[in-house]
Amino acid sequence: NDDIARLRQQLAVAVEDDKGEEARKSGLSFQNQLKAAQQQHRTVQEQLERSMCREKDLREQSAEADERLQQAFQVRRDNEQLREENQKLLTRAEKLSRTEEDL
């Protein structure tokens, strides 16, 4: 009877020890998963920050390119006006030249 009680006690201790070991392993596993998740978070955060900087740079470059394109269009319009004025002046000069020859 005492032997059975002692065996039951040993079995209960062994079961508790086993549960404690499982809990410890589970805790370590959870801690490892947590650390891995935290590291992944840091990595993704760094990637996001780099990507956001790149996006900002691209937007600035795009804005500068848009501005340069607008400047080029303005220069093209100015050149067209100058060509038209130049053509008018050339036509006038030719008329004046013919008029002078006629005199």
C-alpha atoms as a PDB file:
ATOM      1  CA  ASN A   1       0.000   0.000   0.000  1.00  0.00           C
ATOM      2  CA  ASP A   2       2.822   2.346   0.913  1.00  0.00           C
ATOM      3  CA  ASP A   3       4.602   1.259  -2.238  1.00  0.00           C
ATOM      4  CA  ILE A   4       1.572   2.124  -4.321  1.00  0.00           C
ATOM      5  CA  ALA A   5       1.248   5.495  -2.636  1.00  0.00           C
ATOM      6  CA  ARG A   6       4.962   6.128  -3.160  1.00  0.00           C
ATOM      7  CA  LEU A   7       4.659   5.143  -6.848  1.00  0.00           C
ATOM      8  CA  ARG A   8       1.643   7.376  -7.250  1.00  0.00           C
ATOM      9  CA  GLN A   9       3.587  10.216  -5.660  1.00  0.00           C
ATOM     10  CA  GLN A  10       6.575   9.611  -7.949  1.00  0.00           C
ATOM     11  CA  LEU A  11       4.249   9.436 -10.950  1.00  0.00           C
ATOM     12  CA  ALA A  12       2.587  12.707  -9.919  1.00  0.00           C
ATOM     13  CA  VAL A  13       5.998  14.367  -9.512  1.00  0.00           C
ATOM     14  CA  ALA A  14       7.122  13.006 -12.889  1.00  0.00           C
ATOM     15  CA  VAL A  15       3.933  14.271 -14.557  1.00  0.00           C
ATOM     16  CA  GLU A  16       4.386  17.705 -12.962  1.00  0.00           C
ATOM     17  CA  ASP A  17       8.053  17.760 -14.007  1.00  0.00           C
ATOM     18  CA  ASP A  18       7.026  16.790 -17.535  1.00  0.00           C
ATOM     19  CA  LYS A  19       4.391  19.534 -17.613  1.00  0.00           C
ATOM     20  CA  GLY A  20       6.970  22.004 -16.316  1.00  0.00           C
ATOM     21  CA  GLU A  21       9.429  20.958 -19.032  1.00  0.00           C
ATOM     22  CA  GLU A  22       6.736  21.285 -21.709  1.00  0.00           C
ATOM     23  CA  ALA A  23       5.797  24.697 -20.361  1.00  0.00           C
ATOM     24  CA  ARG A  24       9.458  25.753 -20.361  1.00  0.00           C
ATOM     25  CA  LYS A  25       9.925  24.503 -23.918  1.00  0.00           C
ATOM     26  CA  SER A  26       6.699  26.172 -24.955  1.00  0.00           C
ATOM     27  CA  GLY A  27       7.859  29.397 -23.331  1.00  0.00           C
ATOM     28  CA  LEU A  28      11.213  29.197 -25.096  1.00  0.00           C
ATOM     29  CA  SER A  29       9.461  28.455 -28.352  1.00  0.00           C
ATOM     30  CA  PHE A  30       7.199  31.460 -27.813  1.00  0.00           C
ATOM     31  CA  GLN A  31      10.205  33.638 -26.945  1.00  0.00           C
ATOM     32  CA  ASN A  32      12.009  32.469 -30.076  1.00  0.00           C
ATOM     33  CA  GLN A  33       8.950  33.172 -32.189  1.00  0.00           C
ATOM     34  CA  LEU A  34       8.615  36.590 -30.579  1.00  0.00           C
ATOM     35  CA  LYS A  35      12.272  37.424 -31.214  1.00  0.00           C
ATOM     36  CA  ALA A  36      11.964  36.261 -34.838  1.00  0.00           C
ATOM     37  CA  ALA A  37       8.819  38.341 -35.325  1.00  0.00           C
ATOM     38  CA  GLN A  38      10.501  41.383 -33.774  1.00  0.00           C
ATOM     39  CA  GLN A  39      13.537  40.952 -36.047  1.00  0.00           C
ATOM     40  CA  GLN A  40      11.294  40.602 -39.086  1.00  0.00           C
ATOM     41  CA  HIS A  41       9.461  43.742 -38.012  1.00  0.00           C
ATOM     42  CA  ARG A  42      12.746  45.672 -37.753  1.00  0.00           C
ATOM     43  CA  THR A  43      13.842  44.414 -41.167  1.00  0.00           C
ATOM     44  CA  VAL A  44      10.544  45.355 -42.802  1.00  0.00           C
ATOM     45  CA  GLN A  45      10.603  48.732 -41.037  1.00  0.00           C
ATOM     46  CA  GLU A  46      14.077  49.436 -42.442  1.00  0.00           C
ATOM     47  CA  GLN A  47      12.949  48.383 -45.919  1.00  0.00           C
ATOM     48  CA  LEU A  48       9.906  50.621 -45.611  1.00  0.00           C
ATOM     49  CA  GLU A  49      12.027  53.600 -44.578  1.00  0.00           C
ATOM     50  CA  ARG A  50      14.391  53.066 -47.526  1.00  0.00           C
ATOM     51  CA  SER A  51      11.445  52.673 -49.865  1.00  0.00           C
ATOM     52  CA  MET A  52       9.828  55.855 -48.563  1.00  0.00           C
ATOM     53  CA  CYS A  53      13.078  57.775 -49.104  1.00  0.00           C
ATOM     54  CA  ARG A  54      13.297  56.397 -52.634  1.00  0.00           C
ATOM     55  CA  GLU A  55       9.671  57.390 -53.273  1.00  0.00           C
ATOM     56  CA  LYS A  56      10.407  60.920 -52.043  1.00  0.00           C
ATOM     57  CA  ASP A  57      13.494  61.137 -54.267  1.00  0.00           C
ATOM     58  CA  LEU A  58      11.507  59.918 -57.266  1.00  0.00           C
ATOM     59  CA  ARG A  59       8.726  62.430 -56.594  1.00  0.00           C
ATOM     60  CA  GLU A  60      11.295  65.237 -56.350  1.00  0.00           C
ATOM     61  CA  GLN A  61      12.964  64.087 -59.558  1.00  0.00           C
ATOM     62  CA  SER A  62       9.577  63.871 -61.229  1.00  0.00           C
ATOM     63  CA  ALA A  63       8.683  67.374 -60.092  1.00  0.00           C
ATOM     64  CA  GLU A  64      12.030  68.652 -61.372  1.00  0.00           C
ATOM     65  CA  ALA A  65      11.492  66.818 -64.659  1.00  0.00           C
ATOM     66  CA  ASP A  66       7.980  68.283 -64.939  1.00  0.00           C
ATOM     67  CA  GLU A  67       9.388  71.732 -64.301  1.00  0.00           C
ATOM     68  CA  ARG A  68      12.116  71.228 -66.922  1.00  0.00           C
ATOM     69  CA  LEU A  69       9.516  69.935 -69.358  1.00  0.00           C
ATOM     70  CA  GLN A  70       7.346  73.000 -68.739  1.00  0.00           C
ATOM     71  CA  GLN A  71      10.386  75.205 -69.278  1.00  0.00           C
ATOM     72  CA  ALA A  72      11.150  73.397 -72.546  1.00  0.00           C
ATOM     73  CA  PHE A  73       7.557  73.904 -73.720  1.00  0.00           C
ATOM     74  CA  GLN A  74       7.757  77.586 -72.818  1.00  0.00           C
ATOM     75  CA  VAL A  75      11.029  77.950 -74.734  1.00  0.00           C
ATOM     76  CA  ARG A  76       9.414  76.173 -77.706  1.00  0.00           C
ATOM     77  CA  ARG A  77       6.461  78.614 -77.605  1.00  0.00           C
ATOM     78  CA  ASP A  78       8.861  81.555 -77.316  1.00  0.00           C
ATOM     79  CA  ASN A  79      10.845  80.221 -80.277  1.00  0.00           C
ATOM     80  CA  GLU A  80       7.666  79.911 -82.342  1.00  0.00           C
ATOM     81  CA  GLN A  81       6.801  83.527 -81.593  1.00  0.00           C
ATOM     82  CA  LEU A  82      10.333  84.589 -82.483  1.00  0.00           C
ATOM     83  CA  ARG A  83      10.146  82.643 -85.766  1.00  0.00           C
ATOM     84  CA  GLU A  84       6.847  84.329 -86.616  1.00  0.00           C
ATOM     85  CA  GLU A  85       8.246  87.778 -85.767  1.00  0.00           C
ATOM     86  CA  ASN A  86      11.396  86.998 -87.701  1.00  0.00           C
ATOM     87  CA  GLN A  87       9.358  85.893 -90.724  1.00  0.00           C
ATOM     88  CA  LYS A  88       7.299  89.093 -90.558  1.00  0.00           C
ATOM     89  CA  LEU A  89      10.467  91.179 -90.348  1.00  0.00           C
ATOM     90  CA  LEU A  90      12.010  89.264 -93.268  1.00  0.00           C
ATOM     91  CA  THR A  91       8.871  89.783 -95.359  1.00  0.00           C
ATOM     92  CA  ARG A  92       8.845  93.495 -94.504  1.00  0.00           C
ATOM     93  CA  ALA A  93      12.551  93.793 -95.278  1.00  0.00           C
ATOM     94  CA  GLU A  94      12.001  92.087 -98.654  1.00  0.00           C
ATOM     95  CA  LYS A  95       9.117  94.459 -99.453  1.00  0.00           C
ATOM     96  CA  LEU A  96      11.218  97.462 -98.457  1.00  0.00           C
ATOM     97  CA  SER A  97      14.110  96.126-100.520  1.00  0.00           C
ATOM     98  CA  ARG A  98      11.846  95.772-103.595  1.00  0.00           C
ATOM     99  CA  THR A  99      10.398  99.206-102.999  1.00  0.00           C
ATOM    100  CA  GLU A 100      13.897 100.682-102.790  1.00  0.00           C
ATOM    101  CA  GLU A 101      14.869  98.926-106.059  1.00  0.00           C
ATOM    102  CA  ASP A 102      11.789 100.345-107.713  1.00  0.00           C
ATOM    103  CA  LEU A 103      12.819 103.857-106.726  1.00  0.00           C
END
